[in-house]
Amino acid sequence: MVEIDFAPVPASAQKLAFSRDAGAYPLWVRCGKGGIKKIGGVMALDIRDAGRGVREASS
């Protein structure tokens, strides 16, 4: 299960925890503002810095 968010959304954390409890391997991809709340058993990928690097390289 993959959840992609541009801002911290409490409902996303609930969906990720539910999918983890159901036996899935959830991944939370963050690409906007705000922090990432750590959730046990849920992988988080913060691509905000990667996006800034791409924009800077294309300048």
PDB file of N, CA and C in Angstrom:
ATOM      1  N   MET A   1       0.837  -1.146   0.000  1.00  0.00           N
ATOM      2  CA  MET A   1       0.000   0.000   0.000  1.00  0.00           C
ATOM      3  C   MET A   1       0.890   1.219   0.000  1.00  0.00           C
ATOM      4  N   VAL A   2       0.646   2.147  -0.897  1.00  0.00           N
ATOM      5  CA  VAL A   2       1.428   3.380  -0.990  1.00  0.00           C
ATOM      6  C   VAL A   2       0.496   4.556  -0.771  1.00  0.00           C
ATOM      7  N   GLU A   3       0.905   5.457   0.101  1.00  0.00           N
ATOM      8  CA  GLU A   3       0.168   6.691   0.363  1.00  0.00           C
ATOM      9  C   GLU A   3       1.096   7.842   0.003  1.00  0.00           C
ATOM     10  N   ILE A   4       0.632   8.739  -0.858  1.00  0.00           N
ATOM     11  CA  ILE A   4       1.428   9.895  -1.273  1.00  0.00           C
ATOM     12  C   ILE A   4       0.727  11.135  -0.749  1.00  0.00           C
ATOM     13  N   ASP A   5       1.469  11.952   0.028  1.00  0.00           N
ATOM     14  CA  ASP A   5       0.893  13.148   0.632  1.00  0.00           C
ATOM     15  C   ASP A   5       1.778  14.360   0.403  1.00  0.00           C
ATOM     16  N   PHE A   6       1.108  15.496   0.223  1.00  0.00           N
ATOM     17  CA  PHE A   6       1.800  16.773   0.106  1.00  0.00           C
ATOM     18  C   PHE A   6       1.783  17.535   1.422  1.00  0.00           C
ATOM     19  N   ALA A   7       1.035  17.046   2.402  1.00  0.00           N
ATOM     20  CA  ALA A   7       0.952  17.646   3.733  1.00  0.00           C
ATOM     21  C   ALA A   7       0.618  16.532   4.727  1.00  0.00           C
ATOM     22  N   PRO A   8       0.928  16.747   6.022  1.00  0.00           N
ATOM     23  CA  PRO A   8       0.591  15.732   7.010  1.00  0.00           C
ATOM     24  C   PRO A   8      -0.930  15.572   7.115  1.00  0.00           C
ATOM     25  N   VAL A   9      -1.425  14.382   6.942  1.00  0.00           N
ATOM     26  CA  VAL A   9      -2.858  14.116   6.982  1.00  0.00           C
ATOM     27  C   VAL A   9      -3.107  12.999   8.006  1.00  0.00           C
ATOM     28  N   PRO A  10      -3.815  13.301   9.104  1.00  0.00           N
ATOM     29  CA  PRO A  10      -4.052  12.261  10.120  1.00  0.00           C
ATOM     30  C   PRO A  10      -4.736  11.018   9.546  1.00  0.00           C
ATOM     31  N   ALA A  11      -5.631  11.189   8.600  1.00  0.00           N
ATOM     32  CA  ALA A  11      -6.322  10.033   8.015  1.00  0.00           C
ATOM     33  C   ALA A  11      -5.334   9.115   7.296  1.00  0.00           C
ATOM     34  N   SER A  12      -4.284   9.678   6.729  1.00  0.00           N
ATOM     35  CA  SER A  12      -3.270   8.857   6.055  1.00  0.00           C
ATOM     36  C   SER A  12      -2.572   7.947   7.055  1.00  0.00           C
ATOM     37  N   ALA A  13      -2.225   8.491   8.218  1.00  0.00           N
ATOM     38  CA  ALA A  13      -1.570   7.686   9.252  1.00  0.00           C
ATOM     39  C   ALA A  13      -2.478   6.539   9.674  1.00  0.00           C
ATOM     40  N   GLN A  14      -3.776   6.803   9.778  1.00  0.00           N
ATOM     41  CA  GLN A  14      -4.721   5.752  10.154  1.00  0.00           C
ATOM     42  C   GLN A  14      -4.798   4.664   9.083  1.00  0.00           C
ATOM     43  N   LYS A  15      -4.848   5.077   7.807  1.00  0.00           N
ATOM     44  CA  LYS A  15      -4.914   4.096   6.711  1.00  0.00           C
ATOM     45  C   LYS A  15      -3.651   3.249   6.664  1.00  0.00           C
ATOM     46  N   LEU A  16      -2.507   3.885   6.877  1.00  0.00           N
ATOM     47  CA  LEU A  16      -1.242   3.154   6.848  1.00  0.00           C
ATOM     48  C   LEU A  16      -1.168   2.138   7.981  1.00  0.00           C
ATOM     49  N   ALA A  17      -1.570   2.548   9.179  1.00  0.00           N
ATOM     50  CA  ALA A  17      -1.565   1.627  10.323  1.00  0.00           C
ATOM     51  C   ALA A  17      -2.544   0.479  10.082  1.00  0.00           C
ATOM     52  N   PHE A  18      -3.701   0.760   9.512  1.00  0.00           N
ATOM     53  CA  PHE A  18      -4.678  -0.279   9.208  1.00  0.00           C
ATOM     54  C   PHE A  18      -4.114  -1.281   8.209  1.00  0.00           C
ATOM     55  N   SER A  19      -3.471  -0.779   7.157  1.00  0.00           N
ATOM     56  CA  SER A  19      -2.916  -1.689   6.148  1.00  0.00           C
ATOM     57  C   SER A  19      -1.780  -2.531   6.731  1.00  0.00           C
ATOM     58  N   ARG A  20      -0.981  -1.928   7.605  1.00  0.00           N
ATOM     59  CA  ARG A  20       0.084  -2.687   8.287  1.00  0.00           C
ATOM     60  C   ARG A  20      -0.516  -3.808   9.112  1.00  0.00           C
ATOM     61  N   ASP A  21      -1.569  -3.498   9.859  1.00  0.00           N
ATOM     62  CA  ASP A  21      -2.215  -4.488  10.716  1.00  0.00           C
ATOM     63  C   ASP A  21      -2.887  -5.595   9.898  1.00  0.00           C
ATOM     64  N   ALA A  22      -3.243  -5.277   8.645  1.00  0.00           N
ATOM     65  CA  ALA A  22      -3.877  -6.262   7.763  1.00  0.00           C
ATOM     66  C   ALA A  22      -2.847  -7.123   7.037  1.00  0.00           C
ATOM     67  N   GLY A  23      -1.553  -6.866   7.278  1.00  0.00           N
ATOM     68  CA  GLY A  23      -0.508  -7.690   6.689  1.00  0.00           C
ATOM     69  C   GLY A  23       0.181  -7.098   5.483  1.00  0.00           C
ATOM     70  N   ALA A  24      -0.147  -5.845   5.126  1.00  0.00           N
ATOM     71  CA  ALA A  24       0.493  -5.193   3.977  1.00  0.00           C
ATOM     72  C   ALA A  24       1.823  -4.573   4.408  1.00  0.00           C
ATOM     73  N   TYR A  25       2.569  -4.108   3.436  1.00  0.00           N
ATOM     74  CA  TYR A  25       3.828  -3.400   3.673  1.00  0.00           C
ATOM     75  C   TYR A  25       3.630  -1.961   3.222  1.00  0.00           C
ATOM     76  N   PRO A  26       3.129  -1.096   4.116  1.00  0.00           N
ATOM     77  CA  PRO A  26       2.793   0.266   3.719  1.00  0.00           C
ATOM     78  C   PRO A  26       4.014   1.164   3.553  1.00  0.00           C
ATOM     79  N   LEU A  27       3.905   2.052   2.580  1.00  0.00           N
ATOM     80  CA  LEU A  27       4.944   3.046   2.298  1.00  0.00           C
ATOM     81  C   LEU A  27       4.284   4.408   2.236  1.00  0.00           C
ATOM     82  N   TRP A  28       4.806   5.347   3.018  1.00  0.00           N
ATOM     83  CA  TRP A  28       4.287   6.711   3.046  1.00  0.00           C
ATOM     84  C   TRP A  28       5.287   7.596   2.302  1.00  0.00           C
ATOM     85  N   VAL A  29       4.891   8.131   1.171  1.00  0.00           N
ATOM     86  CA  VAL A  29       5.735   9.016   0.376  1.00  0.00           C
ATOM     87  C   VAL A  29       5.309  10.444   0.664  1.00  0.00           C
ATOM     88  N   ARG A  30       6.249  11.256   1.127  1.00  0.00           N
ATOM     89  CA  ARG A  30       5.961  12.647   1.458  1.00  0.00           C
ATOM     90  C   ARG A  30       6.717  13.557   0.509  1.00  0.00           C
ATOM     91  N   CYS A  31       6.013  14.509  -0.067  1.00  0.00           N
ATOM     92  CA  CYS A  31       6.656  15.413  -1.022  1.00  0.00           C
ATOM     93  C   CYS A  31       6.193  16.851  -0.845  1.00  0.00           C
ATOM     94  N   GLY A  32       5.660  17.204   0.297  1.00  0.00           N
ATOM     95  CA  GLY A  32       5.175  18.568   0.524  1.00  0.00           C
ATOM     96  C   GLY A  32       5.664  19.110   1.846  1.00  0.00           C
ATOM     97  N   LYS A  33       4.845  19.946   2.456  1.00  0.00           N
ATOM     98  CA  LYS A  33       5.209  20.610   3.703  1.00  0.00           C
ATOM     99  C   LYS A  33       4.851  19.758   4.905  1.00  0.00           C
ATOM    100  N   GLY A  34       5.472  20.079   6.035  1.00  0.00           N
ATOM    101  CA  GLY A  34       5.155  19.412   7.287  1.00  0.00           C
ATOM    102  C   GLY A  34       6.048  18.215   7.555  1.00  0.00           C
ATOM    103  N   GLY A  35       6.005  17.771   8.787  1.00  0.00           N
ATOM    104  CA  GLY A  35       6.831  16.647   9.202  1.00  0.00           C
ATOM    105  C   GLY A  35       6.183  15.310   8.913  1.00  0.00           C
ATOM    106  N   ILE A  36       6.947  14.280   9.128  1.00  0.00           N
ATOM    107  CA  ILE A  36       6.457  12.919   8.952  1.00  0.00           C
ATOM    108  C   ILE A  36       6.413  12.275  10.330  1.00  0.00           C
ATOM    109  N   LYS A  37       5.221  11.892  10.755  1.00  0.00           N
ATOM    110  CA  LYS A  37       5.072  11.200  12.029  1.00  0.00           C
ATOM    111  C   LYS A  37       5.507   9.754  11.836  1.00  0.00           C
ATOM    112  N   LYS A  38       6.437   9.298  12.667  1.00  0.00           N
ATOM    113  CA  LYS A  38       6.897   7.915  12.554  1.00  0.00           C
ATOM    114  C   LYS A  38       5.826   6.975  13.075  1.00  0.00           C
ATOM    115  N   ILE A  39       5.567   5.939  12.301  1.00  0.00           N
ATOM    116  CA  ILE A  39       4.591   4.922  12.659  1.00  0.00           C
ATOM    117  C   ILE A  39       5.309   3.583  12.585  1.00  0.00           C
ATOM    118  N   GLY A  40       5.302   2.839  13.673  1.00  0.00           N
ATOM    119  CA  GLY A  40       5.962   1.544  13.697  1.00  0.00           C
ATOM    120  C   GLY A  40       5.458   0.626  12.594  1.00  0.00           C
ATOM    121  N   GLY A  41       6.371   0.015  11.849  1.00  0.00           N
ATOM    122  CA  GLY A  41       6.002  -0.915  10.796  1.00  0.00           C
ATOM    123  C   GLY A  41       5.601  -0.267   9.483  1.00  0.00           C
ATOM    124  N   VAL A  42       5.746   1.066   9.395  1.00  0.00           N
ATOM    125  CA  VAL A  42       5.413   1.799   8.169  1.00  0.00           C
ATOM    126  C   VAL A  42       6.676   2.486   7.669  1.00  0.00           C
ATOM    127  N   MET A  43       7.050   2.194   6.428  1.00  0.00           N
ATOM    128  CA  MET A  43       8.203   2.859   5.836  1.00  0.00           C
ATOM    129  C   MET A  43       7.793   4.249   5.354  1.00  0.00           C
ATOM    130  N   ALA A  44       8.680   5.225   5.527  1.00  0.00           N
ATOM    131  CA  ALA A  44       8.415   6.588   5.068  1.00  0.00           C
ATOM    132  C   ALA A  44       9.533   7.012   4.139  1.00  0.00           C
ATOM    133  N   LEU A  45       9.161   7.618   3.033  1.00  0.00           N
ATOM    134  CA  LEU A  45      10.117   8.119   2.055  1.00  0.00           C
ATOM    135  C   LEU A  45       9.862   9.608   1.880  1.00  0.00           C
ATOM    136  N   ASP A  46      10.821  10.429   2.280  1.00  0.00           N
ATOM    137  CA  ASP A  46      10.703  11.883   2.179  1.00  0.00           C
ATOM    138  C   ASP A  46      11.461  12.323   0.932  1.00  0.00           C
ATOM    139  N   ILE A  47      10.742  12.728  -0.103  1.00  0.00           N
ATOM    140  CA  ILE A  47      11.393  13.098  -1.366  1.00  0.00           C
ATOM    141  C   ILE A  47      11.455  14.610  -1.555  1.00  0.00           C
ATOM    142  N   ARG A  48      11.212  15.380  -0.497  1.00  0.00           N
ATOM    143  CA  ARG A  48      11.260  16.841  -0.611  1.00  0.00           C
ATOM    144  C   ARG A  48      12.646  17.322  -0.999  1.00  0.00           C
ATOM    145  N   ASP A  49      13.688  16.802  -0.364  1.00  0.00           N
ATOM    146  CA  ASP A  49      15.049  17.235  -0.696  1.00  0.00           C
ATOM    147  C   ASP A  49      15.426  16.826  -2.107  1.00  0.00           C
ATOM    148  N   ALA A  50      14.976  15.667  -2.551  1.00  0.00           N
ATOM    149  CA  ALA A  50      15.269  15.207  -3.911  1.00  0.00           C
ATOM    150  C   ALA A  50      14.639  16.146  -4.933  1.00  0.00           C
ATOM    151  N   GLY A  51      13.431  16.589  -4.672  1.00  0.00           N
ATOM    152  CA  GLY A  51      12.757  17.519  -5.581  1.00  0.00           C
ATOM    153  C   GLY A  51      13.478  18.848  -5.678  1.00  0.00           C
ATOM    154  N   ARG A  52      13.980  19.341  -4.544  1.00  0.00           N
ATOM    155  CA  ARG A  52      14.733  20.598  -4.565  1.00  0.00           C
ATOM    156  C   ARG A  52      16.004  20.433  -5.383  1.00  0.00           C
ATOM    157  N   GLY A  53      16.668  19.271  -5.249  1.00  0.00           N
ATOM    158  CA  GLY A  53      17.895  19.034  -6.001  1.00  0.00           C
ATOM    159  C   GLY A  53      17.654  19.007  -7.506  1.00  0.00           C
ATOM    160  N   VAL A  54      16.545  18.448  -7.922  1.00  0.00           N
ATOM    161  CA  VAL A  54      16.206  18.403  -9.343  1.00  0.00           C
ATOM    162  C   VAL A  54      15.958  19.798  -9.861  1.00  0.00           C
ATOM    163  N   ARG A  55      15.208  20.605  -9.112  1.00  0.00           N
ATOM    164  CA  ARG A  55      14.929  21.984  -9.541  1.00  0.00           C
ATOM    165  C   ARG A  55      16.215  22.794  -9.640  1.00  0.00           C
ATOM    166  N   GLU A  56      17.128  22.611  -8.659  1.00  0.00           N
ATOM    167  CA  GLU A  56      18.379  23.364  -8.672  1.00  0.00           C
ATOM    168  C   GLU A  56      19.250  22.936  -9.852  1.00  0.00           C
ATOM    169  N   ALA A  57      19.290  21.662 -10.177  1.00  0.00           N
ATOM    170  CA  ALA A  57      20.121  21.170 -11.269  1.00  0.00           C
ATOM    171  C   ALA A  57      19.614  21.650 -12.613  1.00  0.00           C
ATOM    172  N   SER A  58      18.308  21.861 -12.730  1.00  0.00           N
ATOM    173  CA  SER A  58      17.772  22.284 -14.024  1.00  0.00           C
ATOM    174  C   SER A  58      17.867  23.788 -14.216  1.00  0.00           C
ATOM    175  N   SER A  59      18.269  24.534 -13.204  1.00  0.00           N
ATOM    176  CA  SER A  59      18.384  26.001 -13.318  1.00  0.00           C
ATOM    177  C   SER A  59      19.573  26.416 -14.143  1.00  0.00           C
TER     178      SER A  59
END
